[in-house]
Amino acid sequence: MLRKLVMGTVLATLMALPATFTASPAMAQMVCSERDKFLKHLGDGYKEAPVAMGLASNGSVLEVLASGKGTWTIILTMPNGTSCVVASGEAWEQVKEKIALGPKA
C-alpha cells in the first residue's frame, strides 16, 4: 500500500510540472568539453574544420565546422572556456551568394 501511495505521489508531481521545467531530448544529450578536444575529434574523425564563427552578446563564440563530405557541427564556447555541441548533421552546403533577407533599408 505504501509503495502505491509513493508511486502515485511521484506520478502526480511529475504530471504537475510545467513543460518549461522538463528537459528536451536535445538538452539531455548536450555534450561539453574543451574546444581543442572537439576540434581534434571532429577533424580526425569527420574531417570537419571551422567554416564560420560569430561572437554572441554574452561573450560566447559560436562556430560552425563542416567537412567536404557534408557533415557539420555547431559548437558554442562560453567565456569560461567550456565548449558544447549545439547541433550536428549532414548535407552541409556552403552558400556562395548572399541571400536577401528582406527589403533593403
PDB file of N, CA and C in Angstrom:
ATOM      1  N   MET A   1       0.815  -1.180   0.000  1.00  0.00           N
ATOM      2  CA  MET A   1       0.000   0.000   0.000  1.00  0.00           C
ATOM      3  C   MET A   1       0.870   1.259   0.000  1.00  0.00           C
ATOM      4  N   LEU A   2       1.903   1.258   0.810  1.00  0.00           N
ATOM      5  CA  LEU A   2       2.805   2.403   0.883  1.00  0.00           C
ATOM      6  C   LEU A   2       3.489   2.634  -0.461  1.00  0.00           C
ATOM      7  N   ARG A   3       3.860   1.542  -1.122  1.00  0.00           N
ATOM      8  CA  ARG A   3       4.515   1.649  -2.436  1.00  0.00           C
ATOM      9  C   ARG A   3       3.597   2.331  -3.437  1.00  0.00           C
ATOM     10  N   LYS A   4       2.308   1.959  -3.454  1.00  0.00           N
ATOM     11  CA  LYS A   4       1.347   2.566  -4.375  1.00  0.00           C
ATOM     12  C   LYS A   4       1.156   4.047  -4.064  1.00  0.00           C
ATOM     13  N   LEU A   5       1.145   4.392  -2.796  1.00  0.00           N
ATOM     14  CA  LEU A   5       0.986   5.784  -2.391  1.00  0.00           C
ATOM     15  C   LEU A   5       2.183   6.620  -2.849  1.00  0.00           C
ATOM     16  N   VAL A   6       3.386   6.106  -2.657  1.00  0.00           N
ATOM     17  CA  VAL A   6       4.604   6.807  -3.070  1.00  0.00           C
ATOM     18  C   VAL A   6       4.632   6.966  -4.584  1.00  0.00           C
ATOM     19  N   MET A   7       4.325   5.891  -5.318  1.00  0.00           N
ATOM     20  CA  MET A   7       4.320   5.955  -6.781  1.00  0.00           C
ATOM     21  C   MET A   7       3.269   6.947  -7.287  1.00  0.00           C
ATOM     22  N   GLY A   8       2.118   6.956  -6.668  1.00  0.00           N
ATOM     23  CA  GLY A   8       1.059   7.893  -7.052  1.00  0.00           C
ATOM     24  C   GLY A   8       1.477   9.332  -6.819  1.00  0.00           C
ATOM     25  N   THR A   9       2.138   9.577  -5.699  1.00  0.00           N
ATOM     26  CA  THR A   9       2.618  10.925  -5.396  1.00  0.00           C
ATOM     27  C   THR A   9       3.684  11.370  -6.397  1.00  0.00           C
ATOM     28  N   VAL A  10       4.603  10.481  -6.715  1.00  0.00           N
ATOM     29  CA  VAL A  10       5.652  10.804  -7.685  1.00  0.00           C
ATOM     30  C   VAL A  10       5.049  11.104  -9.056  1.00  0.00           C
ATOM     31  N   LEU A  11       4.130  10.263  -9.506  1.00  0.00           N
ATOM     32  CA  LEU A  11       3.482  10.479 -10.801  1.00  0.00           C
ATOM     33  C   LEU A  11       2.688  11.775 -10.826  1.00  0.00           C
ATOM     34  N   ALA A  12       1.975  12.073  -9.777  1.00  0.00           N
ATOM     35  CA  ALA A  12       1.199  13.315  -9.711  1.00  0.00           C
ATOM     36  C   ALA A  12       2.116  14.532  -9.746  1.00  0.00           C
ATOM     37  N   THR A  13       3.241  14.466  -9.050  1.00  0.00           N
ATOM     38  CA  THR A  13       4.190  15.565  -9.047  1.00  0.00           C
ATOM     39  C   THR A  13       4.780  15.778 -10.437  1.00  0.00           C
ATOM     40  N   LEU A  14       5.167  14.690 -11.102  1.00  0.00           N
ATOM     41  CA  LEU A  14       5.729  14.807 -12.447  1.00  0.00           C
ATOM     42  C   LEU A  14       4.723  15.381 -13.433  1.00  0.00           C
ATOM     43  N   MET A  15       3.476  14.980 -13.315  1.00  0.00           N
ATOM     44  CA  MET A  15       2.453  15.465 -14.231  1.00  0.00           C
ATOM     45  C   MET A  15       2.141  16.937 -13.973  1.00  0.00           C
ATOM     46  N   ALA A  16       2.364  17.408 -12.763  1.00  0.00           N
ATOM     47  CA  ALA A  16       2.059  18.793 -12.417  1.00  0.00           C
ATOM     48  C   ALA A  16       3.153  19.758 -12.844  1.00  0.00           C
ATOM     49  N   LEU A  17       4.346  19.253 -13.150  1.00  0.00           N
ATOM     50  CA  LEU A  17       5.441  20.137 -13.557  1.00  0.00           C
ATOM     51  C   LEU A  17       5.119  20.790 -14.886  1.00  0.00           C
ATOM     52  N   PRO A  18       5.380  22.087 -15.009  1.00  0.00           N
ATOM     53  CA  PRO A  18       5.165  22.742 -16.299  1.00  0.00           C
ATOM     54  C   PRO A  18       6.156  22.232 -17.331  1.00  0.00           C
ATOM     55  N   ALA A  19       5.783  22.322 -18.597  1.00  0.00           N
ATOM     56  CA  ALA A  19       6.639  21.825 -19.684  1.00  0.00           C
ATOM     57  C   ALA A  19       7.978  22.535 -19.716  1.00  0.00           C
ATOM     58  N   THR A  20       8.047  23.780 -19.242  1.00  0.00           N
ATOM     59  CA  THR A  20       9.306  24.526 -19.289  1.00  0.00           C
ATOM     60  C   THR A  20      10.348  23.955 -18.338  1.00  0.00           C
ATOM     61  N   PHE A  21       9.932  23.151 -17.367  1.00  0.00           N
ATOM     62  CA  PHE A  21      10.879  22.583 -16.426  1.00  0.00           C
ATOM     63  C   PHE A  21      11.363  21.196 -16.820  1.00  0.00           C
ATOM     64  N   THR A  22      10.850  20.656 -17.894  1.00  0.00           N
ATOM     65  CA  THR A  22      11.289  19.338 -18.318  1.00  0.00           C
ATOM     66  C   THR A  22      12.378  19.484 -19.363  1.00  0.00           C
ATOM     67  N   ALA A  23      13.342  18.608 -19.339  1.00  0.00           N
ATOM     68  CA  ALA A  23      14.459  18.658 -20.282  1.00  0.00           C
ATOM     69  C   ALA A  23      14.051  18.053 -21.612  1.00  0.00           C
ATOM     70  N   SER A  24      14.415  18.741 -22.679  1.00  0.00           N
ATOM     71  CA  SER A  24      14.154  18.198 -24.008  1.00  0.00           C
ATOM     72  C   SER A  24      15.220  17.156 -24.323  1.00  0.00           C
ATOM     73  N   PRO A  25      14.974  16.268 -25.286  1.00  0.00           N
ATOM     74  CA  PRO A  25      15.991  15.282 -25.646  1.00  0.00           C
ATOM     75  C   PRO A  25      17.309  15.942 -26.060  1.00  0.00           C
ATOM     76  N   ALA A  26      17.233  17.069 -26.753  1.00  0.00           N
ATOM     77  CA  ALA A  26      18.459  17.750 -27.177  1.00  0.00           C
ATOM     78  C   ALA A  26      19.249  18.239 -25.974  1.00  0.00           C
ATOM     79  N   MET A  27      18.569  18.801 -24.980  1.00  0.00           N
ATOM     80  CA  MET A  27      19.261  19.283 -23.792  1.00  0.00           C
ATOM     81  C   MET A  27      19.849  18.126 -22.998  1.00  0.00           C
ATOM     82  N   ALA A  28      19.143  17.030 -22.950  1.00  0.00           N
ATOM     83  CA  ALA A  28      19.605  15.886 -22.180  1.00  0.00           C
ATOM     84  C   ALA A  28      20.858  15.268 -22.786  1.00  0.00           C
ATOM     85  N   GLN A  29      21.084  15.481 -24.087  1.00  0.00           N
ATOM     86  CA  GLN A  29      22.218  14.871 -24.760  1.00  0.00           C
ATOM     87  C   GLN A  29      23.338  15.859 -25.055  1.00  0.00           C
ATOM     88  N   MET A  30      23.263  17.089 -24.537  1.00  0.00           N
ATOM     89  CA  MET A  30      24.288  18.077 -24.819  1.00  0.00           C
ATOM     90  C   MET A  30      25.637  17.586 -24.304  1.00  0.00           C
ATOM     91  N   VAL A  31      26.657  17.721 -25.146  1.00  0.00           N
ATOM     92  CA  VAL A  31      27.997  17.267 -24.805  1.00  0.00           C
ATOM     93  C   VAL A  31      28.899  18.487 -24.695  1.00  0.00           C
ATOM     94  N   CYS A  32      29.611  18.599 -23.586  1.00  0.00           N
ATOM     95  CA  CYS A  32      30.514  19.722 -23.362  1.00  0.00           C
ATOM     96  C   CYS A  32      31.909  19.211 -23.017  1.00  0.00           C
ATOM     97  N   SER A  33      32.916  19.960 -23.453  1.00  0.00           N
ATOM     98  CA  SER A  33      34.308  19.603 -23.180  1.00  0.00           C
ATOM     99  C   SER A  33      35.174  20.811 -23.524  1.00  0.00           C
ATOM    100  N   GLU A  34      36.468  20.580 -23.669  1.00  0.00           N
ATOM    101  CA  GLU A  34      37.396  21.634 -24.076  1.00  0.00           C
ATOM    102  C   GLU A  34      37.337  21.795 -25.599  1.00  0.00           C
ATOM    103  N   ARG A  35      37.420  23.038 -26.081  1.00  0.00           N
ATOM    104  CA  ARG A  35      37.343  23.328 -27.512  1.00  0.00           C
ATOM    105  C   ARG A  35      38.377  22.541 -28.299  1.00  0.00           C
ATOM    106  N   ASP A  36      39.609  22.510 -27.828  1.00  0.00           N
ATOM    107  CA  ASP A  36      40.677  21.799 -28.544  1.00  0.00           C
ATOM    108  C   ASP A  36      40.354  20.319 -28.731  1.00  0.00           C
ATOM    109  N   LYS A  37      39.712  19.704 -27.740  1.00  0.00           N
ATOM    110  CA  LYS A  37      39.336  18.292 -27.852  1.00  0.00           C
ATOM    111  C   LYS A  37      38.288  18.095 -28.940  1.00  0.00           C
ATOM    112  N   PHE A  38      37.301  19.020 -29.000  1.00  0.00           N
ATOM    113  CA  PHE A  38      36.294  18.935 -30.059  1.00  0.00           C
ATOM    114  C   PHE A  38      36.939  19.091 -31.431  1.00  0.00           C
ATOM    115  N   LEU A  39      37.813  20.098 -31.581  1.00  0.00           N
ATOM    116  CA  LEU A  39      38.440  20.337 -32.881  1.00  0.00           C
ATOM    117  C   LEU A  39      39.254  19.125 -33.322  1.00  0.00           C
ATOM    118  N   LYS A  40      39.981  18.513 -32.404  1.00  0.00           N
ATOM    119  CA  LYS A  40      40.779  17.333 -32.758  1.00  0.00           C
ATOM    120  C   LYS A  40      39.873  16.161 -33.131  1.00  0.00           C
ATOM    121  N   HIS A  41      38.859  15.902 -32.313  1.00  0.00           N
ATOM    122  CA  HIS A  41      37.941  14.782 -32.574  1.00  0.00           C
ATOM    123  C   HIS A  41      37.203  14.963 -33.897  1.00  0.00           C
ATOM    124  N   LEU A  42      36.664  16.148 -34.125  1.00  0.00           N
ATOM    125  CA  LEU A  42      35.904  16.393 -35.348  1.00  0.00           C
ATOM    126  C   LEU A  42      36.814  16.441 -36.578  1.00  0.00           C
ATOM    127  N   GLY A  43      38.024  16.923 -36.396  1.00  0.00           N
ATOM    128  CA  GLY A  43      38.977  16.947 -37.509  1.00  0.00           C
ATOM    129  C   GLY A  43      39.471  15.560 -37.872  1.00  0.00           C
ATOM    130  N   ASP A  44      39.859  14.781 -36.857  1.00  0.00           N
ATOM    131  CA  ASP A  44      40.373  13.430 -37.102  1.00  0.00           C
ATOM    132  C   ASP A  44      39.273  12.469 -37.572  1.00  0.00           C
ATOM    133  N   GLY A  45      38.118  12.524 -36.924  1.00  0.00           N
ATOM    134  CA  GLY A  45      37.074  11.556 -37.196  1.00  0.00           C
ATOM    135  C   GLY A  45      36.174  11.891 -38.372  1.00  0.00           C
ATOM    136  N   TYR A  46      35.948  13.179 -38.608  1.00  0.00           N
ATOM    137  CA  TYR A  46      34.980  13.573 -39.634  1.00  0.00           C
ATOM    138  C   TYR A  46      35.560  14.522 -40.678  1.00  0.00           C
ATOM    139  N   LYS A  47      36.825  14.906 -40.512  1.00  0.00           N
ATOM    140  CA  LYS A  47      37.495  15.861 -41.406  1.00  0.00           C
ATOM    141  C   LYS A  47      36.776  17.210 -41.410  1.00  0.00           C
ATOM    142  N   GLU A  48      36.174  17.569 -40.271  1.00  0.00           N
ATOM    143  CA  GLU A  48      35.498  18.851 -40.145  1.00  0.00           C
ATOM    144  C   GLU A  48      36.482  19.915 -39.679  1.00  0.00           C
ATOM    145  N   ALA A  49      36.308  21.114 -40.217  1.00  0.00           N
ATOM    146  CA  ALA A  49      37.137  22.254 -39.857  1.00  0.00           C
ATOM    147  C   ALA A  49      36.238  23.483 -39.772  1.00  0.00           C
ATOM    148  N   PRO A  50      36.632  24.504 -39.009  1.00  0.00           N
ATOM    149  CA  PRO A  50      35.811  25.707 -38.903  1.00  0.00           C
ATOM    150  C   PRO A  50      35.600  26.374 -40.261  1.00  0.00           C
ATOM    151  N   VAL A  51      34.332  26.748 -40.534  1.00  0.00           N
ATOM    152  CA  VAL A  51      33.994  27.460 -41.769  1.00  0.00           C
ATOM    153  C   VAL A  51      33.331  28.805 -41.477  1.00  0.00           C
ATOM    154  N   ALA A  52      32.849  28.996 -40.259  1.00  0.00           N
ATOM    155  CA  ALA A  52      32.222  30.261 -39.884  1.00  0.00           C
ATOM    156  C   ALA A  52      32.234  30.385 -38.369  1.00  0.00           C
ATOM    157  N   MET A  53      32.223  31.617 -37.890  1.00  0.00           N
ATOM    158  CA  MET A  53      32.158  31.848 -36.451  1.00  0.00           C
ATOM    159  C   MET A  53      31.574  33.218 -36.183  1.00  0.00           C
ATOM    160  N   GLY A  54      31.054  33.397 -34.986  1.00  0.00           N
ATOM    161  CA  GLY A  54      30.484  34.677 -34.593  1.00  0.00           C
ATOM    162  C   GLY A  54      30.523  34.838 -33.092  1.00  0.00           C
ATOM    163  N   LEU A  55      30.483  36.084 -32.665  1.00  0.00           N
ATOM    164  CA  LEU A  55      30.529  36.417 -31.244  1.00  0.00           C
ATOM    165  C   LEU A  55      29.127  36.788 -30.775  1.00  0.00           C
ATOM    166  N   ALA A  56      28.659  36.123 -29.741  1.00  0.00           N
ATOM    167  CA  ALA A  56      27.334  36.411 -29.178  1.00  0.00           C
ATOM    168  C   ALA A  56      27.444  37.555 -28.180  1.00  0.00           C
ATOM    169  N   SER A  57      26.316  38.173 -27.872  1.00  0.00           N
ATOM    170  CA  SER A  57      26.311  39.328 -26.963  1.00  0.00           C
ATOM    171  C   SER A  57      26.777  38.978 -25.549  1.00  0.00           C
ATOM    172  N   ASN A  58      26.688  37.707 -25.168  1.00  0.00           N
ATOM    173  CA  ASN A  58      27.134  37.301 -23.831  1.00  0.00           C
ATOM    174  C   ASN A  58      28.609  36.914 -23.794  1.00  0.00           C
ATOM    175  N   GLY A  59      29.319  37.101 -24.918  1.00  0.00           N
ATOM    176  CA  GLY A  59      30.740  36.780 -24.970  1.00  0.00           C
ATOM    177  C   GLY A  59      31.043  35.373 -25.452  1.00  0.00           C
ATOM    178  N   SER A  60      30.033  34.580 -25.717  1.00  0.00           N
ATOM    179  CA  SER A  60      30.241  33.228 -26.239  1.00  0.00           C
ATOM    180  C   SER A  60      30.612  33.295 -27.717  1.00  0.00           C
ATOM    181  N   VAL A  61      31.364  32.298 -28.169  1.00  0.00           N
ATOM    182  CA  VAL A  61      31.745  32.203 -29.574  1.00  0.00           C
ATOM    183  C   VAL A  61      31.041  30.995 -30.171  1.00  0.00           C
ATOM    184  N   LEU A  62      30.287  31.229 -31.248  1.00  0.00           N
ATOM    185  CA  LEU A  62      29.591  30.170 -31.961  1.00  0.00           C
ATOM    186  C   LEU A  62      30.416  29.830 -33.194  1.00  0.00           C
ATOM    187  N   GLU A  63      30.701  28.540 -33.389  1.00  0.00           N
ATOM    188  CA  GLU A  63      31.480  28.097 -34.548  1.00  0.00           C
ATOM    189  C   GLU A  63      30.731  27.022 -35.317  1.00  0.00           C
ATOM    190  N   VAL A  64      30.821  27.110 -36.627  1.00  0.00           N
ATOM    191  CA  VAL A  64      30.297  26.070 -37.497  1.00  0.00           C
ATOM    192  C   VAL A  64      31.503  25.359 -38.088  1.00  0.00           C
ATOM    193  N   LEU A  65      31.545  24.040 -37.932  1.00  0.00           N
ATOM    194  CA  LEU A  65      32.581  23.217 -38.540  1.00  0.00           C
ATOM    195  C   LEU A  65      31.914  22.358 -39.594  1.00  0.00           C
ATOM    196  N   ALA A  66      32.570  22.172 -40.727  1.00  0.00           N
ATOM    197  CA  ALA A  66      31.993  21.359 -41.794  1.00  0.00           C
ATOM    198  C   ALA A  66      33.097  20.592 -42.507  1.00  0.00           C
ATOM    199  N   SER A  67      32.679  19.525 -43.186  1.00  0.00           N
ATOM    200  CA  SER A  67      33.622  18.717 -43.962  1.00  0.00           C
ATOM    201  C   SER A  67      33.226  18.759 -45.430  1.00  0.00           C
ATOM    202  N   GLY A  68      34.135  18.340 -46.289  1.00  0.00           N
ATOM    203  CA  GLY A  68      33.854  18.238 -47.713  1.00  0.00           C
ATOM    204  C   GLY A  68      32.826  17.172 -48.026  1.00  0.00           C
ATOM    205  N   LYS A  69      32.597  16.251 -47.093  1.00  0.00           N
ATOM    206  CA  LYS A  69      31.602  15.190 -47.295  1.00  0.00           C
ATOM    207  C   LYS A  69      30.209  15.607 -46.844  1.00  0.00           C
ATOM    208  N   GLY A  70      30.085  16.823 -46.309  1.00  0.00           N
ATOM    209  CA  GLY A  70      28.774  17.340 -45.940  1.00  0.00           C
ATOM    210  C   GLY A  70      28.395  17.249 -44.482  1.00  0.00           C
ATOM    211  N   THR A  71      29.238  16.665 -43.625  1.00  0.00           N
ATOM    212  CA  THR A  71      28.897  16.642 -42.201  1.00  0.00           C
ATOM    213  C   THR A  71      29.185  18.015 -41.611  1.00  0.00           C
ATOM    214  N   TRP A  72      28.449  18.368 -40.562  1.00  0.00           N
ATOM    215  CA  TRP A  72      28.649  19.664 -39.916  1.00  0.00           C
ATOM    216  C   TRP A  72      28.343  19.566 -38.430  1.00  0.00           C
ATOM    217  N   THR A  73      28.961  20.478 -37.673  1.00  0.00           N
ATOM    218  CA  THR A  73      28.758  20.559 -36.234  1.00  0.00           C
ATOM    219  C   THR A  73      28.786  22.027 -35.837  1.00  0.00           C
ATOM    220  N   ILE A  74      27.913  22.408 -34.931  1.00  0.00           N
ATOM    221  CA  ILE A  74      27.930  23.755 -34.363  1.00  0.00           C
ATOM    222  C   ILE A  74      28.336  23.615 -32.907  1.00  0.00           C
ATOM    223  N   ILE A  75      29.386  24.343 -32.519  1.00  0.00           N
ATOM    224  CA  ILE A  75      29.808  24.347 -31.115  1.00  0.00           C
ATOM    225  C   ILE A  75      29.733  25.769 -30.582  1.00  0.00           C
ATOM    226  N   LEU A  76      29.464  25.876 -29.294  1.00  0.00           N
ATOM    227  CA  LEU A  76      29.388  27.153 -28.610  1.00  0.00           C
ATOM    228  C   LEU A  76      30.404  27.124 -27.488  1.00  0.00           C
ATOM    229  N   THR A  77      31.322  28.092 -27.505  1.00  0.00           N
ATOM    230  CA  THR A  77      32.336  28.190 -26.456  1.00  0.00           C
ATOM    231  C   THR A  77      31.979  29.359 -25.559  1.00  0.00           C
ATOM    232  N   MET A  78      31.743  29.061 -24.286  1.00  0.00           N
ATOM    233  CA  MET A  78      31.369  30.076 -23.313  1.00  0.00           C
ATOM    234  C   MET A  78      32.600  30.859 -22.858  1.00  0.00           C
ATOM    235  N   PRO A  79      32.381  32.035 -22.271  1.00  0.00           N
ATOM    236  CA  PRO A  79      33.512  32.837 -21.793  1.00  0.00           C
ATOM    237  C   PRO A  79      34.416  32.104 -20.802  1.00  0.00           C
ATOM    238  N   ASN A  80      33.886  31.110 -20.087  1.00  0.00           N
ATOM    239  CA  ASN A  80      34.716  30.364 -19.129  1.00  0.00           C
ATOM    240  C   ASN A  80      35.588  29.307 -19.816  1.00  0.00           C
ATOM    241  N   GLY A  81      35.456  29.168 -21.154  1.00  0.00           N
ATOM    242  CA  GLY A  81      36.292  28.227 -21.899  1.00  0.00           C
ATOM    243  C   GLY A  81      35.634  26.901 -22.213  1.00  0.00           C
ATOM    244  N   THR A  82      34.498  26.611 -21.621  1.00  0.00           N
ATOM    245  CA  THR A  82      33.797  25.361 -21.887  1.00  0.00           C
ATOM    246  C   THR A  82      33.091  25.440 -23.236  1.00  0.00           C
ATOM    247  N   SER A  83      33.255  24.394 -24.041  1.00  0.00           N
ATOM    248  CA  SER A  83      32.588  24.317 -25.342  1.00  0.00           C
ATOM    249  C   SER A  83      31.543  23.211 -25.302  1.00  0.00           C
ATOM    250  N   CYS A  84      30.410  23.458 -25.977  1.00  0.00           N
ATOM    251  CA  CYS A  84      29.340  22.479 -26.044  1.00  0.00           C
ATOM    252  C   CYS A  84      28.863  22.330 -27.478  1.00  0.00           C
ATOM    253  N   VAL A  85      28.515  21.102 -27.845  1.00  0.00           N
ATOM    254  CA  VAL A  85      27.934  20.849 -29.161  1.00  0.00           C
ATOM    255  C   VAL A  85      26.484  21.309 -29.095  1.00  0.00           C
ATOM    256  N   VAL A  86      26.104  22.198 -30.012  1.00  0.00           N
ATOM    257  CA  VAL A  86      24.744  22.712 -30.081  1.00  0.00           C
ATOM    258  C   VAL A  86      23.912  21.860 -31.026  1.00  0.00           C
ATOM    259  N   ALA A  87      24.513  21.494 -32.177  1.00  0.00           N
ATOM    260  CA  ALA A  87      23.806  20.693 -33.174  1.00  0.00           C
ATOM    261  C   ALA A  87      24.831  20.072 -34.110  1.00  0.00           C
ATOM    262  N   SER A  88      24.418  19.025 -34.805  1.00  0.00           N
ATOM    263  CA  SER A  88      25.270  18.410 -35.818  1.00  0.00           C
ATOM    264  C   SER A  88      24.368  17.726 -36.833  1.00  0.00           C
ATOM    265  N   GLY A  89      24.916  17.488 -38.015  1.00  0.00           N
ATOM    266  CA  GLY A  89      24.103  16.846 -39.025  1.00  0.00           C
ATOM    267  C   GLY A  89      24.869  16.562 -40.295  1.00  0.00           C
ATOM    268  N   GLU A  90      24.129  16.391 -41.369  1.00  0.00           N
ATOM    269  CA  GLU A  90      24.694  16.053 -42.669  1.00  0.00           C
ATOM    270  C   GLU A  90      24.135  17.000 -43.726  1.00  0.00           C
ATOM    271  N   ALA A  91      24.663  16.906 -44.932  1.00  0.00           N
ATOM    272  CA  ALA A  91      24.211  17.656 -46.108  1.00  0.00           C
ATOM    273  C   ALA A  91      24.489  19.155 -45.986  1.00  0.00           C
ATOM    274  N   TRP A  92      25.658  19.508 -45.424  1.00  0.00           N
ATOM    275  CA  TRP A  92      26.058  20.907 -45.352  1.00  0.00           C
ATOM    276  C   TRP A  92      26.338  21.432 -46.752  1.00  0.00           C
ATOM    277  N   GLU A  93      25.863  22.626 -47.040  1.00  0.00           N
ATOM    278  CA  GLU A  93      26.146  23.288 -48.306  1.00  0.00           C
ATOM    279  C   GLU A  93      26.636  24.689 -48.028  1.00  0.00           C
ATOM    280  N   GLN A  94      27.735  25.043 -48.637  1.00  0.00           N
ATOM    281  CA  GLN A  94      28.268  26.396 -48.493  1.00  0.00           C
ATOM    282  C   GLN A  94      27.522  27.313 -49.459  1.00  0.00           C
ATOM    283  N   VAL A  95      26.911  28.368 -48.952  1.00  0.00           N
ATOM    284  CA  VAL A  95      26.185  29.322 -49.786  1.00  0.00           C
ATOM    285  C   VAL A  95      27.194  30.284 -50.395  1.00  0.00           C
ATOM    286  N   LYS A  96      27.175  30.398 -51.721  1.00  0.00           N
ATOM    287  CA  LYS A  96      28.144  31.246 -52.418  1.00  0.00           C
ATOM    288  C   LYS A  96      27.658  32.677 -52.576  1.00  0.00           C
ATOM    289  N   GLU A  97      26.357  32.878 -52.633  1.00  0.00           N
ATOM    290  CA  GLU A  97      25.800  34.207 -52.786  1.00  0.00           C
ATOM    291  C   GLU A  97      25.072  34.612 -51.523  1.00  0.00           C
ATOM    292  N   LYS A  98      25.041  35.912 -51.261  1.00  0.00           N
ATOM    293  CA  LYS A  98      24.273  36.401 -50.130  1.00  0.00           C
ATOM    294  C   LYS A  98      22.794  36.244 -50.414  1.00  0.00           C
ATOM    295  N   ILE A  99      22.072  35.793 -49.435  1.00  0.00           N
ATOM    296  CA  ILE A  99      20.637  35.602 -49.572  1.00  0.00           C
ATOM    297  C   ILE A  99      19.939  36.850 -49.065  1.00  0.00           C
ATOM    298  N   ALA A 100      19.032  37.399 -49.844  1.00  0.00           N
ATOM    299  CA  ALA A 100      18.271  38.570 -49.420  1.00  0.00           C
ATOM    300  C   ALA A 100      17.323  38.171 -48.303  1.00  0.00           C
ATOM    301  N   LEU A 101      17.415  38.872 -47.181  1.00  0.00           N
ATOM    302  CA  LEU A 101      16.576  38.549 -46.031  1.00  0.00           C
ATOM    303  C   LEU A 101      15.348  39.442 -45.942  1.00  0.00           C
ATOM    304  N   GLY A 102      15.225  40.389 -46.802  1.00  0.00           N
ATOM    305  CA  GLY A 102      14.089  41.290 -46.762  1.00  0.00           C
ATOM    306  C   GLY A 102      14.401  42.554 -47.518  1.00  0.00           C
ATOM    307  N   PRO A 103      13.503  43.512 -47.474  1.00  0.00           N
ATOM    308  CA  PRO A 103      13.735  44.761 -48.211  1.00  0.00           C
ATOM    309  C   PRO A 103      14.920  45.509 -47.632  1.00  0.00           C
ATOM    310  N   LYS A 104      15.661  46.180 -48.532  1.00  0.00           N
ATOM    311  CA  LYS A 104      16.807  46.978 -48.093  1.00  0.00           C
ATOM    312  C   LYS A 104      16.323  48.247 -47.415  1.00  0.00           C
ATOM    313  N   ALA A 105      17.017  48.621 -46.367  1.00  0.00           N
ATOM    314  CA  ALA A 105      16.628  49.830 -45.626  1.00  0.00           C
ATOM    315  C   ALA A 105      17.235  51.067 -46.235  1.00  0.00           C
TER     316      ALA A 105
END
